[in-house]
Amino acid sequence: MQIPPSIISGQYGFQSAQSDLTQATIDVAGASQSASGITTVSSGSTTQALVEANQANFHAQASAEVIQASSDTIGTLINIKV
């Protein structure tokens, strides 16, 4: 089993967070609309979607930190070899 470079893992994590955030925003928008066009508010589904959006935000921040750490490490290695 091959382990991918950390920068790739960070990119995959960031893409996953972006997808999760997109789905959460769709869920929030859908929770306030009903099929008949009457606006309804379902606090349970809206709350859950907002929690998922917040989780996606934290996931994206963590993935960005992985990408940054990987970039810093590569930069340090290049500086040492030069």
N, C-alpha and C. Protein backbone atom coordinates (compact mmCIF):
# COMPACT_ATOMS: atom_id res chain seq x y z
N MET A 1 0.85 -1.19 0.00
CA MET A 1 0.00 0.00 0.00
C MET A 1 0.89 1.24 0.00
N GLN A 2 0.63 2.11 -0.96
CA GLN A 2 1.41 3.33 -1.08
C GLN A 2 0.72 4.47 -0.34
N ILE A 3 1.48 5.23 0.42
CA ILE A 3 0.94 6.38 1.15
C ILE A 3 1.17 7.62 0.29
N PRO A 4 0.09 8.39 0.00
CA PRO A 4 0.25 9.58 -0.85
C PRO A 4 1.00 10.69 -0.10
N PRO A 5 1.64 11.58 -0.85
CA PRO A 5 2.30 12.73 -0.21
C PRO A 5 1.29 13.56 0.59
N SER A 6 1.78 14.22 1.61
CA SER A 6 0.88 14.97 2.50
C SER A 6 0.14 16.07 1.76
N ILE A 7 0.77 16.69 0.77
CA ILE A 7 0.09 17.77 0.06
C ILE A 7 -1.12 17.23 -0.71
N ILE A 8 -1.02 16.01 -1.23
CA ILE A 8 -2.14 15.38 -1.93
C ILE A 8 -3.27 15.08 -0.95
N SER A 9 -2.89 14.57 0.23
CA SER A 9 -3.90 14.30 1.25
C SER A 9 -4.63 15.58 1.66
N GLY A 10 -3.88 16.67 1.78
CA GLY A 10 -4.49 17.96 2.11
C GLY A 10 -5.45 18.43 1.03
N GLN A 11 -5.06 18.23 -0.23
CA GLN A 11 -5.93 18.63 -1.34
C GLN A 11 -7.20 17.79 -1.36
N TYR A 12 -7.07 16.48 -1.15
CA TYR A 12 -8.26 15.62 -1.10
C TYR A 12 -9.18 16.04 0.05
N GLY A 13 -8.58 16.34 1.20
CA GLY A 13 -9.37 16.79 2.34
C GLY A 13 -10.10 18.09 2.06
N PHE A 14 -9.41 19.01 1.38
CA PHE A 14 -10.02 20.29 1.06
C PHE A 14 -11.17 20.12 0.08
N GLN A 15 -10.98 19.25 -0.93
CA GLN A 15 -12.05 18.99 -1.89
C GLN A 15 -13.25 18.33 -1.21
N SER A 16 -12.99 17.43 -0.29
CA SER A 16 -14.06 16.78 0.45
C SER A 16 -14.84 17.79 1.30
N ALA A 17 -14.11 18.70 1.95
CA ALA A 17 -14.76 19.74 2.75
C ALA A 17 -15.61 20.64 1.88
N GLN A 18 -15.11 20.97 0.70
CA GLN A 18 -15.87 21.82 -0.22
C GLN A 18 -17.16 21.13 -0.64
N SER A 19 -17.08 19.84 -0.93
CA SER A 19 -18.26 19.07 -1.31
C SER A 19 -19.26 19.00 -0.16
N ASP A 20 -18.76 18.78 1.06
CA ASP A 20 -19.63 18.72 2.24
C ASP A 20 -20.32 20.05 2.48
N LEU A 21 -19.59 21.14 2.30
CA LEU A 21 -20.17 22.47 2.50
C LEU A 21 -21.25 22.76 1.46
N THR A 22 -20.99 22.36 0.23
CA THR A 22 -21.99 22.53 -0.83
C THR A 22 -23.27 21.78 -0.49
N GLN A 23 -23.13 20.54 -0.04
CA GLN A 23 -24.30 19.74 0.32
C GLN A 23 -25.04 20.36 1.50
N ALA A 24 -24.30 20.86 2.48
CA ALA A 24 -24.94 21.47 3.65
C ALA A 24 -25.71 22.73 3.26
N THR A 25 -25.17 23.54 2.36
CA THR A 25 -25.90 24.74 1.93
C THR A 25 -27.14 24.38 1.13
N ILE A 26 -27.06 23.31 0.36
CA ILE A 26 -28.25 22.84 -0.36
C ILE A 26 -29.31 22.39 0.63
N ASP A 27 -28.87 21.70 1.69
CA ASP A 27 -29.81 21.23 2.72
C ASP A 27 -30.46 22.39 3.46
N VAL A 28 -29.68 23.44 3.74
CA VAL A 28 -30.25 24.62 4.42
C VAL A 28 -31.28 25.28 3.52
N ALA A 29 -30.95 25.44 2.25
CA ALA A 29 -31.88 26.07 1.32
C ALA A 29 -33.14 25.22 1.14
N GLY A 30 -32.96 23.90 1.08
CA GLY A 30 -34.10 23.01 0.91
C GLY A 30 -34.99 22.93 2.13
N ALA A 31 -34.42 23.15 3.31
CA ALA A 31 -35.20 23.06 4.54
C ALA A 31 -36.20 24.20 4.66
N SER A 32 -35.93 25.31 3.98
CA SER A 32 -36.83 26.46 4.09
C SER A 32 -37.84 26.52 2.95
N GLN A 33 -37.79 25.59 2.03
CA GLN A 33 -38.72 25.55 0.91
C GLN A 33 -39.52 24.26 0.95
N SER A 34 -40.77 24.34 0.64
CA SER A 34 -41.57 23.13 0.52
C SER A 34 -41.97 22.96 -0.95
N ALA A 35 -42.49 21.82 -1.28
CA ALA A 35 -42.86 21.53 -2.67
C ALA A 35 -43.95 22.48 -3.18
N SER A 36 -44.81 22.95 -2.31
CA SER A 36 -45.90 23.82 -2.74
C SER A 36 -45.48 25.28 -2.88
N GLY A 37 -44.22 25.58 -2.55
CA GLY A 37 -43.75 26.96 -2.67
C GLY A 37 -43.95 27.76 -1.40
N ILE A 38 -44.59 27.18 -0.40
CA ILE A 38 -44.78 27.87 0.87
C ILE A 38 -43.51 27.71 1.71
N THR A 39 -43.04 28.81 2.25
CA THR A 39 -41.83 28.77 3.05
C THR A 39 -42.14 28.15 4.40
N THR A 40 -41.38 27.13 4.73
CA THR A 40 -41.51 26.48 6.04
C THR A 40 -40.14 26.41 6.68
N VAL A 41 -40.13 26.30 7.96
CA VAL A 41 -38.86 26.18 8.67
C VAL A 41 -38.89 24.92 9.50
N SER A 42 -37.98 24.02 9.19
CA SER A 42 -37.82 22.80 9.95
C SER A 42 -36.54 22.96 10.76
N SER A 43 -36.69 23.29 12.02
CA SER A 43 -35.51 23.65 12.81
C SER A 43 -34.54 22.49 12.97
N GLY A 44 -35.03 21.24 13.02
CA GLY A 44 -34.14 20.10 13.18
C GLY A 44 -33.23 19.91 11.99
N SER A 45 -33.81 19.91 10.79
CA SER A 45 -32.99 19.71 9.60
C SER A 45 -32.11 20.93 9.31
N THR A 46 -32.61 22.11 9.59
CA THR A 46 -31.81 23.32 9.38
C THR A 46 -30.63 23.34 10.34
N THR A 47 -30.89 23.01 11.59
CA THR A 47 -29.81 22.98 12.58
C THR A 47 -28.76 21.96 12.20
N GLN A 48 -29.18 20.77 11.80
CA GLN A 48 -28.24 19.73 11.40
C GLN A 48 -27.41 20.17 10.20
N ALA A 49 -28.04 20.80 9.23
CA ALA A 49 -27.32 21.28 8.04
C ALA A 49 -26.32 22.37 8.41
N LEU A 50 -26.68 23.25 9.33
CA LEU A 50 -25.75 24.29 9.77
C LEU A 50 -24.57 23.71 10.55
N VAL A 51 -24.83 22.69 11.35
CA VAL A 51 -23.74 22.01 12.06
C VAL A 51 -22.80 21.35 11.06
N GLU A 52 -23.36 20.72 10.03
CA GLU A 52 -22.54 20.08 9.00
C GLU A 52 -21.72 21.12 8.22
N ALA A 53 -22.30 22.30 8.00
CA ALA A 53 -21.56 23.37 7.33
C ALA A 53 -20.39 23.83 8.19
N ASN A 54 -20.61 23.93 9.49
CA ASN A 54 -19.55 24.33 10.41
C ASN A 54 -18.44 23.26 10.45
N GLN A 55 -18.84 21.99 10.44
CA GLN A 55 -17.85 20.90 10.41
C GLN A 55 -17.03 20.95 9.12
N ALA A 56 -17.68 21.24 8.01
CA ALA A 56 -16.98 21.34 6.73
C ALA A 56 -15.97 22.49 6.77
N ASN A 57 -16.34 23.57 7.44
CA ASN A 57 -15.44 24.71 7.59
C ASN A 57 -14.19 24.31 8.36
N PHE A 58 -14.35 23.60 9.48
CA PHE A 58 -13.20 23.14 10.26
C PHE A 58 -12.36 22.15 9.46
N HIS A 59 -13.01 21.29 8.71
CA HIS A 59 -12.31 20.32 7.87
C HIS A 59 -11.45 21.04 6.83
N ALA A 60 -12.00 22.08 6.22
CA ALA A 60 -11.26 22.86 5.22
C ALA A 60 -10.07 23.57 5.87
N GLN A 61 -10.26 24.11 7.05
CA GLN A 61 -9.15 24.78 7.74
C GLN A 61 -8.04 23.80 8.08
N ALA A 62 -8.40 22.62 8.55
CA ALA A 62 -7.39 21.61 8.87
C ALA A 62 -6.65 21.16 7.62
N SER A 63 -7.37 20.98 6.53
CA SER A 63 -6.74 20.58 5.28
C SER A 63 -5.81 21.66 4.75
N ALA A 64 -6.20 22.91 4.91
CA ALA A 64 -5.34 24.02 4.49
C ALA A 64 -4.06 24.05 5.32
N GLU A 65 -4.16 23.72 6.60
CA GLU A 65 -2.97 23.67 7.44
C GLU A 65 -2.04 22.52 7.02
N VAL A 66 -2.62 21.40 6.60
CA VAL A 66 -1.81 20.27 6.10
C VAL A 66 -1.07 20.70 4.84
N ILE A 67 -1.78 21.36 3.93
CA ILE A 67 -1.15 21.84 2.69
C ILE A 67 -0.03 22.84 3.01
N GLN A 68 -0.28 23.75 3.93
CA GLN A 68 0.73 24.75 4.31
C GLN A 68 1.94 24.09 4.94
N ALA A 69 1.72 23.14 5.84
CA ALA A 69 2.84 22.45 6.50
C ALA A 69 3.67 21.67 5.47
N SER A 70 3.00 21.04 4.52
CA SER A 70 3.70 20.30 3.48
C SER A 70 4.53 21.25 2.62
N SER A 71 3.96 22.37 2.27
CA SER A 71 4.67 23.37 1.47
C SER A 71 5.89 23.91 2.22
N ASP A 72 5.71 24.19 3.51
CA ASP A 72 6.83 24.68 4.32
C ASP A 72 7.94 23.65 4.42
N THR A 73 7.56 22.38 4.57
CA THR A 73 8.55 21.31 4.67
C THR A 73 9.34 21.17 3.38
N ILE A 74 8.65 21.21 2.26
CA ILE A 74 9.34 21.13 0.97
C ILE A 74 10.27 22.32 0.79
N GLY A 75 9.80 23.50 1.16
CA GLY A 75 10.64 24.69 1.06
C GLY A 75 11.89 24.58 1.93
N THR A 76 11.75 24.03 3.13
CA THR A 76 12.89 23.85 4.03
C THR A 76 13.87 22.85 3.44
N LEU A 77 13.36 21.75 2.89
CA LEU A 77 14.25 20.74 2.28
C LEU A 77 15.01 21.32 1.11
N ILE A 78 14.35 22.12 0.30
CA ILE A 78 15.02 22.74 -0.85
C ILE A 78 16.11 23.70 -0.37
N ASN A 79 15.83 24.48 0.68
CA ASN A 79 16.82 25.42 1.20
C ASN A 79 18.03 24.68 1.78
N ILE A 80 17.80 23.53 2.39
CA ILE A 80 18.92 22.77 2.98
C ILE A 80 19.81 22.22 1.89
N LYS A 81 19.23 21.75 0.79
CA LYS A 81 20.01 21.13 -0.28
C LYS A 81 20.74 22.15 -1.13
N VAL A 82 20.31 23.38 -1.16
CA VAL A 82 20.93 24.39 -2.03
C VAL A 82 22.17 24.97 -1.40
